Structure formats: structure tokens, C-alpha cells
Amino acid sequence: MATNDIPDASSVPQADTVTHRVYSYAVQRVCIEVSACAEDLSLPFGQVESAVGELAKLRLLRPAGDGRGQFVVVDPASASLQLLSPYDEELRARQHAVEQVRQQLHSLLPLYRSSTSDGSRTSGIERIDDLDAVRGVLGRLADECQSEVITSQPGGARSPEVLEETARRDSVILNRGVRMRTLYQHTARFDQPTRDYVTRITGNGAEVRTTGSGFARAIVYDRTTAVITLPDNPHGAALIRNPDVTQFVVQSFEYAWATSEPFNPEFDRSEIRSISDSLNEAVLRMLVSGHDDKSIARQLGISPRTCQRRVSDLMQRIGARTRLQAGYLIRHNDLVPLVESEEDGIPGRPAGIFGGTP
């Protein structure tokens, strides 16, 4: 039998359906006949005939054997054995085959790890260019993770579909007692699906923060295995088991984490205003440094159009007509804390142009 022959669960008799009524009628009698059943239940003959056919397929009714169109009711437990035993046998055979393939492939691990023909393997770095392969690796690493997952996700908001899939996977990890920390850019706070996702995973014990600065996308499992993006393939990844490189990724994350702010998924107007001011400061710093809109947008995790609007608004508010003039005015008026205060070592605040910015 093919597995697609297994009846859909919706075909099993449910309360308040014709099939359920016919089966209830049958269990009270030694045998039934379609015409008599239709008459007794005041149902159309065609509906009863169809219901009897469905019950026969499910092995809940069987022909009486006298050739007169009568049917005998069958115990559901017995029906399930008759109907599903071939599938159970096929499933066991498939599981056995899968286990054999797994063992054969795993037997090659020593050869793979000892190979010196590929420098990336001996260095503990493996390039993966296929998206499905990357997803498979992430799923396996998540299943094997024992103590901690740290994730840095630049680029602002992600799609609701990706967030839903991530939330389900993260919940499984968190329920095993694994610590999880995730770092976003400030712009993620303005996205409702992201706030919903944060509410869901922090309720399970995860920690989430945001920062205004840029950082690399990475996931690290148990501080031993890292997955980072490839510069020339957005759908690929580099799998890193080299302890020195992995430790560098972890230290970079810890530095960004220490200077980040907890992500409060509840909408707080004063907090959102503060985050917006922080983004404006970052934009001004990059304008002084000569970054174009595309570079600013990429580093802050916002769209180019949003970046253009923000830059245009800031230039208007400081009275600049050109980027060159903007850079001069920003430096001349000390509008961003470019250097630390000599008195207390704390970065100076901007000269008030961000007050009340929504």
C-alpha cells in the first residue's frame, strides 16, 4: 500500500455527521441494510449509502456475507488494526532504512575530519552555498545545543513568516532549559510582528536587546560552533568549528550586547522617542564620516527610502542644503557626541535638536 492511501482524519466519523449517525445506528443492531437505515433515520438513501461506503473503507462495517446487502458493525480497535497494520509495517521498514543510511553516512565522519585535501575543513570552516542545506544544519545544531544560543540579527524587521518559524524553533530550545540571547538593531522595535515575536520568546525565558550600531549576522551554539553569512551569497553560510574564530565571534557579540538596551515589546512612547533620537545621532555621525544613504541604511537596518527621509529631515532641521554643509554644521555645533567629556568620561549629549522627536 502507498502511504497516500491512508484515510484522512477528517473521514473518521464525527459527532453530528451522517456517518456518525449511521455508525451509532449500526452498533445497536446485529446488522444493517441501507434502505432500512435511511428510513429509520429519516435520511436520504444516497447520503446513507455514501456513509456506509465510508464506514466500510474504514473497516468499521463489513459485508454480512449473505449477499443481501447487509453490513455488520466492527469494533473500532479491531478496525484500526485491520486498516493501519500495513502502514505500521511500512513505517517500521522505512525507519530501519533511514537508520541504515544514517549509520553508513556517519561511518565516513572520521575520514571527513581527518582529510587534509581541503584547507577549509582542516581549519574548521566549511562553506555551505545551498539554502536548504543551511536550514538543515541550523536545525541539527539547534537539536544538539545543550546550554546556550546567541544570535545577532542585523537589518531591522524580518518577515512574519520567518518570525513564526523562528519562534516555534526557539520555543523548543528554550523549553529544554537552553539560554538564548538575541541582538537586533533599534529599528526592529518599530515593527509589530517583531514585537510579537519578542513577547513570545521572552515569555519562555529568552533575552532580547537592541543596539543602534551595525554588527554581523551570526548564530553561535554552546560557544563551540558558529554560523555566519557569506559576503557573496546571501542564501549561504559558513559553518565554523575553529575555536579561535568562534571565540572571536562570541567576543564581538558580547561587546555589542554589553552596550545594547533591553527590548521592551510593549509600546512605550518615551522609549521609542529615545531610540529614534539614538538613530538620528547615528545618522549624523555617518554623515560626518561621508557615508552615502545606501551605506547608512545598511548599517542601521533601515530601508534606503526611510534613510533618505530621515537624512532629508535632519538636514532641514540643522539648516543644511548640502551634505558637505551638513558635515560642517554637525561638527561646528557639536551636534553628536564625537568625543567623550573630559570631566566624567561620558559621551556628551547632542545640542537639543532631537528633543521630542517621534
Protein backbone atom coordinates (compact mmCIF):
# COMPACT_ATOMS: atom_id res chain seq x y z
CA MET A 1 0.00 0.00 0.00
CA ALA A 2 1.15 3.54 -0.67
CA THR A 3 1.20 5.92 2.26
CA ASN A 4 -1.06 8.35 0.42
CA ASP A 5 -3.81 5.71 0.69
CA ILE A 6 -4.11 6.32 4.42
CA PRO A 7 -7.57 7.85 5.08
CA ASP A 8 -7.63 11.49 6.07
CA ALA A 9 -8.52 12.07 9.72
CA SER A 10 -11.50 14.14 8.60
CA SER A 11 -13.11 10.98 7.19
CA VAL A 12 -13.35 9.37 10.65
CA PRO A 13 -16.96 9.70 11.89
CA GLN A 14 -17.51 12.83 13.96
CA ALA A 15 -20.44 13.88 16.10
CA ASP A 16 -23.43 15.39 14.28
CA THR A 17 -22.45 13.92 10.89
CA VAL A 18 -24.43 11.44 8.80
CA THR A 19 -21.58 8.89 9.06
CA HIS A 20 -21.60 9.18 12.86
CA ARG A 21 -25.38 8.69 12.96
CA VAL A 22 -25.19 5.63 10.72
CA TYR A 23 -22.46 4.06 12.85
CA SER A 24 -24.44 4.80 16.03
CA TYR A 25 -27.43 3.12 14.40
CA ALA A 26 -25.33 0.10 13.42
CA VAL A 27 -23.85 -0.55 16.89
CA GLN A 28 -27.37 -1.08 18.23
CA ARG A 29 -28.16 -3.84 15.72
CA VAL A 30 -26.78 -7.18 14.65
CA CYS A 31 -26.61 -6.00 11.05
CA ILE A 32 -27.98 -3.14 8.96
CA GLU A 33 -29.29 -2.56 5.46
CA VAL A 34 -29.05 0.77 3.65
CA SER A 35 -32.75 1.20 2.83
CA ALA A 36 -33.92 0.33 6.34
CA CYS A 37 -31.27 2.57 7.89
CA ALA A 38 -32.28 5.52 5.68
CA GLU A 39 -35.94 5.03 6.59
CA ASP A 40 -35.31 4.67 10.32
CA LEU A 41 -33.03 7.72 10.45
CA SER A 42 -35.22 9.78 8.08
CA LEU A 43 -32.20 10.43 5.86
CA PRO A 44 -31.90 10.41 2.05
CA PHE A 45 -30.92 7.00 0.68
CA GLY A 46 -27.90 8.45 -1.16
CA GLN A 47 -26.46 10.00 2.00
CA VAL A 48 -26.79 6.77 3.95
CA GLU A 49 -25.31 4.74 1.09
CA SER A 50 -22.31 7.10 0.95
CA ALA A 51 -21.88 6.93 4.74
CA VAL A 52 -21.97 3.13 4.70
CA GLY A 53 -19.32 3.15 1.97
CA GLU A 54 -17.06 5.40 4.08
CA LEU A 55 -17.53 3.18 7.13
CA ALA A 56 -16.67 0.12 5.05
CA LYS A 57 -13.46 1.80 3.84
CA LEU A 58 -12.56 2.48 7.46
CA ARG A 59 -13.24 -1.19 8.30
CA LEU A 60 -15.96 -0.08 10.76
CA LEU A 61 -18.57 -2.01 8.75
CA ARG A 62 -18.11 -5.26 6.84
CA PRO A 63 -20.47 -7.14 4.50
CA ALA A 64 -22.61 -9.67 6.36
CA GLY A 65 -21.61 -12.36 3.88
CA ASP A 66 -25.13 -13.44 2.93
CA GLY A 67 -25.11 -11.41 -0.29
CA ARG A 68 -28.24 -9.43 0.65
CA GLY A 69 -26.55 -6.03 1.04
CA GLN A 70 -26.35 -6.16 4.80
CA PHE A 71 -23.45 -4.96 6.93
CA VAL A 72 -22.13 -5.92 10.35
CA VAL A 73 -20.59 -3.38 12.74
CA VAL A 74 -16.91 -3.78 13.68
CA ASP A 75 -15.12 -2.77 16.92
CA PRO A 76 -13.05 0.41 16.20
CA ALA A 77 -9.97 -1.14 17.85
CA SER A 78 -10.21 -4.13 15.54
CA ALA A 79 -10.87 -1.83 12.57
CA SER A 80 -7.73 0.19 13.31
CA LEU A 81 -5.61 -2.97 13.38
CA GLN A 82 -7.01 -4.10 10.03
CA LEU A 83 -6.67 -0.70 8.41
CA LEU A 84 -3.35 0.55 9.78
CA SER A 85 -1.20 -2.53 10.30
CA PRO A 86 0.16 -2.45 6.71
CA TYR A 87 1.15 1.19 7.18
CA ASP A 88 2.79 0.44 10.54
CA GLU A 89 4.83 -2.28 8.88
CA GLU A 90 5.84 0.04 6.04
CA LEU A 91 6.78 2.78 8.54
CA ARG A 92 8.99 0.41 10.51
CA ALA A 93 10.70 -0.67 7.28
CA ARG A 94 11.32 2.95 6.29
CA GLN A 95 12.69 3.81 9.74
CA HIS A 96 15.04 0.86 9.50
CA ALA A 97 16.22 2.01 6.07
CA VAL A 98 16.74 5.57 7.32
CA GLU A 99 18.78 4.33 10.27
CA GLN A 100 20.95 2.19 7.99
CA VAL A 101 21.68 5.17 5.72
CA ARG A 102 22.44 7.37 8.74
CA GLN A 103 24.90 4.82 10.14
CA GLN A 104 26.60 4.41 6.78
CA LEU A 105 27.00 8.17 6.38
CA HIS A 106 28.23 8.65 9.96
CA SER A 107 30.81 5.93 9.39
CA LEU A 108 32.51 8.37 6.99
CA LEU A 109 32.90 11.10 9.63
CA PRO A 110 36.42 10.04 10.70
CA LEU A 111 37.53 10.13 7.07
CA TYR A 112 35.96 13.56 6.58
CA ARG A 113 37.53 15.03 9.73
CA SER A 114 40.95 13.62 9.06
CA SER A 115 41.02 14.76 5.44
CA THR A 116 43.75 17.26 4.61
CA SER A 117 42.81 17.78 0.98
CA ASP A 118 40.55 20.75 1.78
CA GLY A 119 42.05 23.62 3.74
CA SER A 120 38.63 24.87 4.86
CA ARG A 121 37.94 21.55 6.56
CA THR A 122 41.25 21.39 8.41
CA SER A 123 40.76 24.98 9.55
CA GLY A 124 37.35 24.16 10.98
CA ILE A 125 35.50 26.34 8.46
CA GLU A 126 33.07 24.90 5.93
CA ARG A 127 31.27 26.86 3.23
CA ILE A 128 27.62 25.96 2.52
CA ASP A 129 26.05 27.61 -0.53
CA ASP A 130 22.64 25.91 -0.58
CA LEU A 131 19.80 27.47 1.45
CA ASP A 132 18.10 24.15 2.23
CA ALA A 133 21.43 22.73 3.39
CA VAL A 134 21.91 25.74 5.67
CA ARG A 135 18.45 25.23 7.17
CA GLY A 136 19.24 21.57 7.74
CA VAL A 137 22.49 22.44 9.53
CA LEU A 138 20.73 25.03 11.72
CA GLY A 139 18.03 22.53 12.63
CA ARG A 140 20.59 19.89 13.60
CA LEU A 141 22.69 22.34 15.63
CA ALA A 142 19.56 23.54 17.44
CA ASP A 143 18.61 19.95 18.30
CA GLU A 144 22.11 19.24 19.62
CA CYS A 145 22.50 22.50 21.57
CA GLN A 146 22.86 21.91 25.33
CA SER A 147 23.49 25.20 27.14
CA GLU A 148 23.37 28.45 25.13
CA VAL A 149 22.44 30.04 21.82
CA ILE A 150 23.47 33.60 20.95
CA THR A 151 22.10 35.26 17.84
CA SER A 152 22.81 38.60 16.19
CA GLN A 153 20.22 39.63 13.59
CA PRO A 154 21.01 42.94 11.86
CA GLY A 155 18.86 44.51 9.21
CA GLY A 156 15.75 45.56 11.09
CA ALA A 157 12.47 43.66 10.90
CA ARG A 158 12.07 40.19 9.37
CA SER A 159 9.01 38.78 7.64
CA PRO A 160 6.14 37.46 9.82
CA GLU A 161 6.53 34.01 8.24
CA VAL A 162 10.21 33.81 9.20
CA LEU A 163 9.44 35.07 12.69
CA GLU A 164 6.72 32.46 13.19
CA GLU A 165 9.02 29.64 12.09
CA THR A 166 11.82 31.00 14.28
CA ALA A 167 9.51 31.34 17.30
CA ARG A 168 8.46 27.70 17.06
CA ARG A 169 12.07 26.52 16.81
CA ASP A 170 13.22 28.83 19.61
CA SER A 171 10.43 27.70 21.93
CA VAL A 172 11.58 24.08 21.61
CA ILE A 173 15.14 25.07 22.51
CA LEU A 174 14.06 27.26 25.44
CA ASN A 175 11.82 24.54 26.83
CA ARG A 176 14.93 22.36 27.15
CA GLY A 177 16.44 24.92 29.51
CA VAL A 178 18.88 26.37 26.97
CA ARG A 179 19.77 30.04 27.50
CA MET A 180 19.04 32.23 24.48
CA ARG A 181 20.16 35.79 23.78
CA THR A 182 19.23 37.68 20.62
CA LEU A 183 20.52 41.04 19.43
CA TYR A 184 18.63 43.27 16.97
CA GLN A 185 19.15 46.76 15.69
CA HIS A 186 16.98 49.52 17.14
CA THR A 187 14.84 49.69 14.02
CA ALA A 188 13.33 46.28 14.85
CA ARG A 189 11.44 47.95 17.72
CA PHE A 190 9.21 49.77 15.24
CA ASP A 191 7.88 46.52 13.73
CA GLN A 192 4.77 44.97 15.33
CA PRO A 193 5.43 41.34 14.20
CA THR A 194 8.91 41.59 15.72
CA ARG A 195 7.47 42.88 18.99
CA ASP A 196 5.00 39.98 18.99
CA TYR A 197 7.86 37.55 18.43
CA VAL A 198 9.89 39.08 21.26
CA THR A 199 6.89 38.86 23.60
CA ARG A 200 6.53 35.19 22.77
CA ILE A 201 10.13 34.10 23.26
CA THR A 202 10.90 36.31 26.27
CA GLY A 203 7.87 34.72 27.91
CA ASN A 204 9.77 31.44 27.55
CA GLY A 205 12.93 32.87 29.07
CA ALA A 206 14.85 34.37 26.13
CA GLU A 207 16.69 37.69 26.41
CA VAL A 208 16.47 40.24 23.60
CA ARG A 209 18.29 43.57 23.22
CA THR A 210 18.81 46.16 20.51
CA THR A 211 21.62 48.50 19.56
CA GLY A 212 21.98 51.38 17.14
CA SER A 213 25.32 50.27 15.74
CA GLY A 214 25.89 47.79 12.97
CA PHE A 215 27.08 44.24 13.56
CA ALA A 216 27.48 40.96 11.71
CA ARG A 217 24.79 38.31 11.38
CA ALA A 218 25.74 35.18 13.30
CA ILE A 219 24.43 32.31 15.42
CA VAL A 220 26.64 30.54 17.96
CA TYR A 221 25.72 27.26 19.65
CA ASP A 222 27.28 26.36 23.00
CA ARG A 223 30.18 28.72 22.20
CA THR A 224 31.72 25.98 20.05
CA THR A 225 30.00 26.23 16.66
CA ALA A 226 29.18 29.41 14.78
CA VAL A 227 27.18 30.04 11.61
CA ILE A 228 27.84 33.32 9.79
CA THR A 229 26.68 34.73 6.46
CA LEU A 230 28.71 34.64 3.27
CA PRO A 231 29.67 38.01 1.74
CA ASP A 232 28.97 36.80 -1.79
CA ASN A 233 25.90 34.62 -1.20
CA PRO A 234 23.03 35.86 0.99
CA HIS A 235 21.45 32.37 0.94
CA GLY A 236 24.60 30.58 2.06
CA ALA A 237 26.57 30.39 5.28
CA ALA A 238 29.93 29.47 6.73
CA LEU A 239 29.92 26.76 9.40
CA ILE A 240 32.73 27.46 11.85
CA ARG A 241 34.11 24.97 14.35
CA ASN A 242 37.53 26.59 14.66
CA PRO A 243 37.73 27.57 18.36
CA ASP A 244 39.75 30.74 17.71
CA VAL A 245 37.34 32.10 15.11
CA THR A 246 34.30 31.06 17.13
CA GLN A 247 35.66 32.82 20.20
CA PHE A 248 36.17 35.99 18.15
CA VAL A 249 32.51 35.87 17.07
CA VAL A 250 31.42 35.35 20.68
CA GLN A 251 33.54 38.26 21.94
CA SER A 252 32.16 40.55 19.23
CA PHE A 253 28.65 39.60 20.29
CA GLU A 254 29.41 40.17 23.98
CA TYR A 255 30.77 43.65 23.28
CA ALA A 256 27.67 44.62 21.31
CA TRP A 257 25.43 43.01 23.96
CA ALA A 258 27.07 44.98 26.79
CA THR A 259 26.35 48.29 25.06
CA SER A 260 22.82 47.41 23.94
CA GLU A 261 19.44 48.08 25.53
CA PRO A 262 16.76 45.57 26.62
CA PHE A 263 13.98 45.17 24.05
CA ASN A 264 10.68 46.09 25.67
CA PRO A 265 7.98 44.66 23.37
CA GLU A 266 5.34 46.92 24.89
CA PHE A 267 4.95 50.22 23.04
CA ASP A 268 6.48 52.90 25.24
CA ARG A 269 6.34 56.35 23.64
CA SER A 270 9.24 57.80 25.62
CA GLU A 271 11.39 54.75 24.91
CA ILE A 272 10.58 54.82 21.19
CA ARG A 273 11.41 58.54 21.13
CA SER A 274 14.76 57.82 22.78
CA ILE A 275 15.51 55.10 20.25
CA SER A 276 14.59 57.43 17.40
CA ASP A 277 16.94 60.06 18.81
CA SER A 278 19.70 57.47 19.03
CA LEU A 279 19.16 56.57 15.38
CA ASN A 280 19.32 60.23 14.41
CA GLU A 281 22.64 60.58 16.23
CA ALA A 282 23.99 57.58 14.35
CA VAL A 283 22.85 59.09 11.04
CA LEU A 284 24.63 62.36 11.84
CA ARG A 285 27.83 60.55 12.76
CA MET A 286 27.83 58.72 9.44
CA LEU A 287 27.04 61.90 7.52
CA VAL A 288 30.14 63.47 9.09
CA SER A 289 32.14 60.40 8.04
CA GLY A 290 30.97 60.74 4.45
CA HIS A 291 28.69 57.69 4.19
CA ASP A 292 26.07 57.70 1.45
CA ASP A 293 22.40 56.79 2.01
CA LYS A 294 22.87 53.19 0.93
CA SER A 295 25.69 52.64 3.41
CA ILE A 296 23.80 54.34 6.25
CA ALA A 297 20.66 52.30 5.56
CA ARG A 298 22.60 49.04 5.51
CA GLN A 299 24.41 49.73 8.78
CA LEU A 300 21.29 50.88 10.63
CA GLY A 301 19.00 48.17 9.27
CA ILE A 302 16.52 50.51 7.59
CA SER A 303 15.29 50.78 4.01
CA PRO A 304 17.05 53.22 1.65
CA ARG A 305 13.82 55.21 1.30
CA THR A 306 13.43 55.54 5.07
CA CYS A 307 17.07 56.56 5.31
CA GLN A 308 16.62 59.24 2.64
CA ARG A 309 13.62 60.69 4.50
CA ARG A 310 15.50 60.71 7.80
CA VAL A 311 18.59 62.34 6.27
CA SER A 312 16.47 64.95 4.48
CA ASP A 313 14.60 65.76 7.71
CA LEU A 314 17.82 66.10 9.70
CA MET A 315 19.45 68.33 7.09
CA GLN A 316 16.39 70.58 7.10
CA ARG A 317 16.40 70.81 10.90
CA ILE A 318 20.07 71.80 11.12
CA GLY A 319 19.70 74.21 8.19
CA ALA A 320 21.96 72.40 5.71
CA ARG A 321 21.39 72.45 1.97
CA THR A 322 24.15 70.02 1.02
CA ARG A 323 25.84 67.07 2.68
CA LEU A 324 29.11 68.99 2.81
CA GLN A 325 27.39 71.83 4.63
CA ALA A 326 25.66 69.31 6.91
CA GLY A 327 29.01 67.79 7.90
CA TYR A 328 30.40 71.22 8.72
CA LEU A 329 27.36 72.25 10.80
CA ILE A 330 27.32 68.96 12.70
CA ARG A 331 30.98 69.36 13.69
CA HIS A 332 30.83 73.12 14.27
CA ASN A 333 27.76 72.91 16.53
CA ASP A 334 28.86 69.68 18.26
CA LEU A 335 25.53 68.01 17.41
CA VAL A 336 26.75 64.48 18.14
CA PRO A 337 28.99 63.14 20.94
CA LEU A 338 32.05 62.58 18.78
CA VAL A 339 34.40 62.63 21.79
CA GLU A 340 33.98 61.84 25.45
CA SER A 341 33.60 64.55 28.03
CA GLU A 342 36.91 65.28 29.74
CA GLU A 343 35.15 65.76 33.08
CA ASP A 344 33.32 62.48 33.55
CA GLY A 345 34.29 60.30 30.59
CA ILE A 346 30.66 60.10 29.50
CA PRO A 347 29.79 60.92 25.89
CA GLY A 348 28.28 64.37 25.58
CA ARG A 349 24.63 64.68 24.61
CA PRO A 350 23.55 66.36 21.36
CA ALA A 351 22.70 70.03 21.42
CA GLY A 352 18.97 69.58 21.76
CA ILE A 353 17.88 69.11 18.18
CA PHE A 354 16.35 65.70 18.93
CA GLY A 355 14.11 66.70 21.79
CA GLY A 356 10.56 65.50 21.19
CA THR A 357 11.42 63.63 18.01
CA PRO A 358 8.77 60.93 17.45
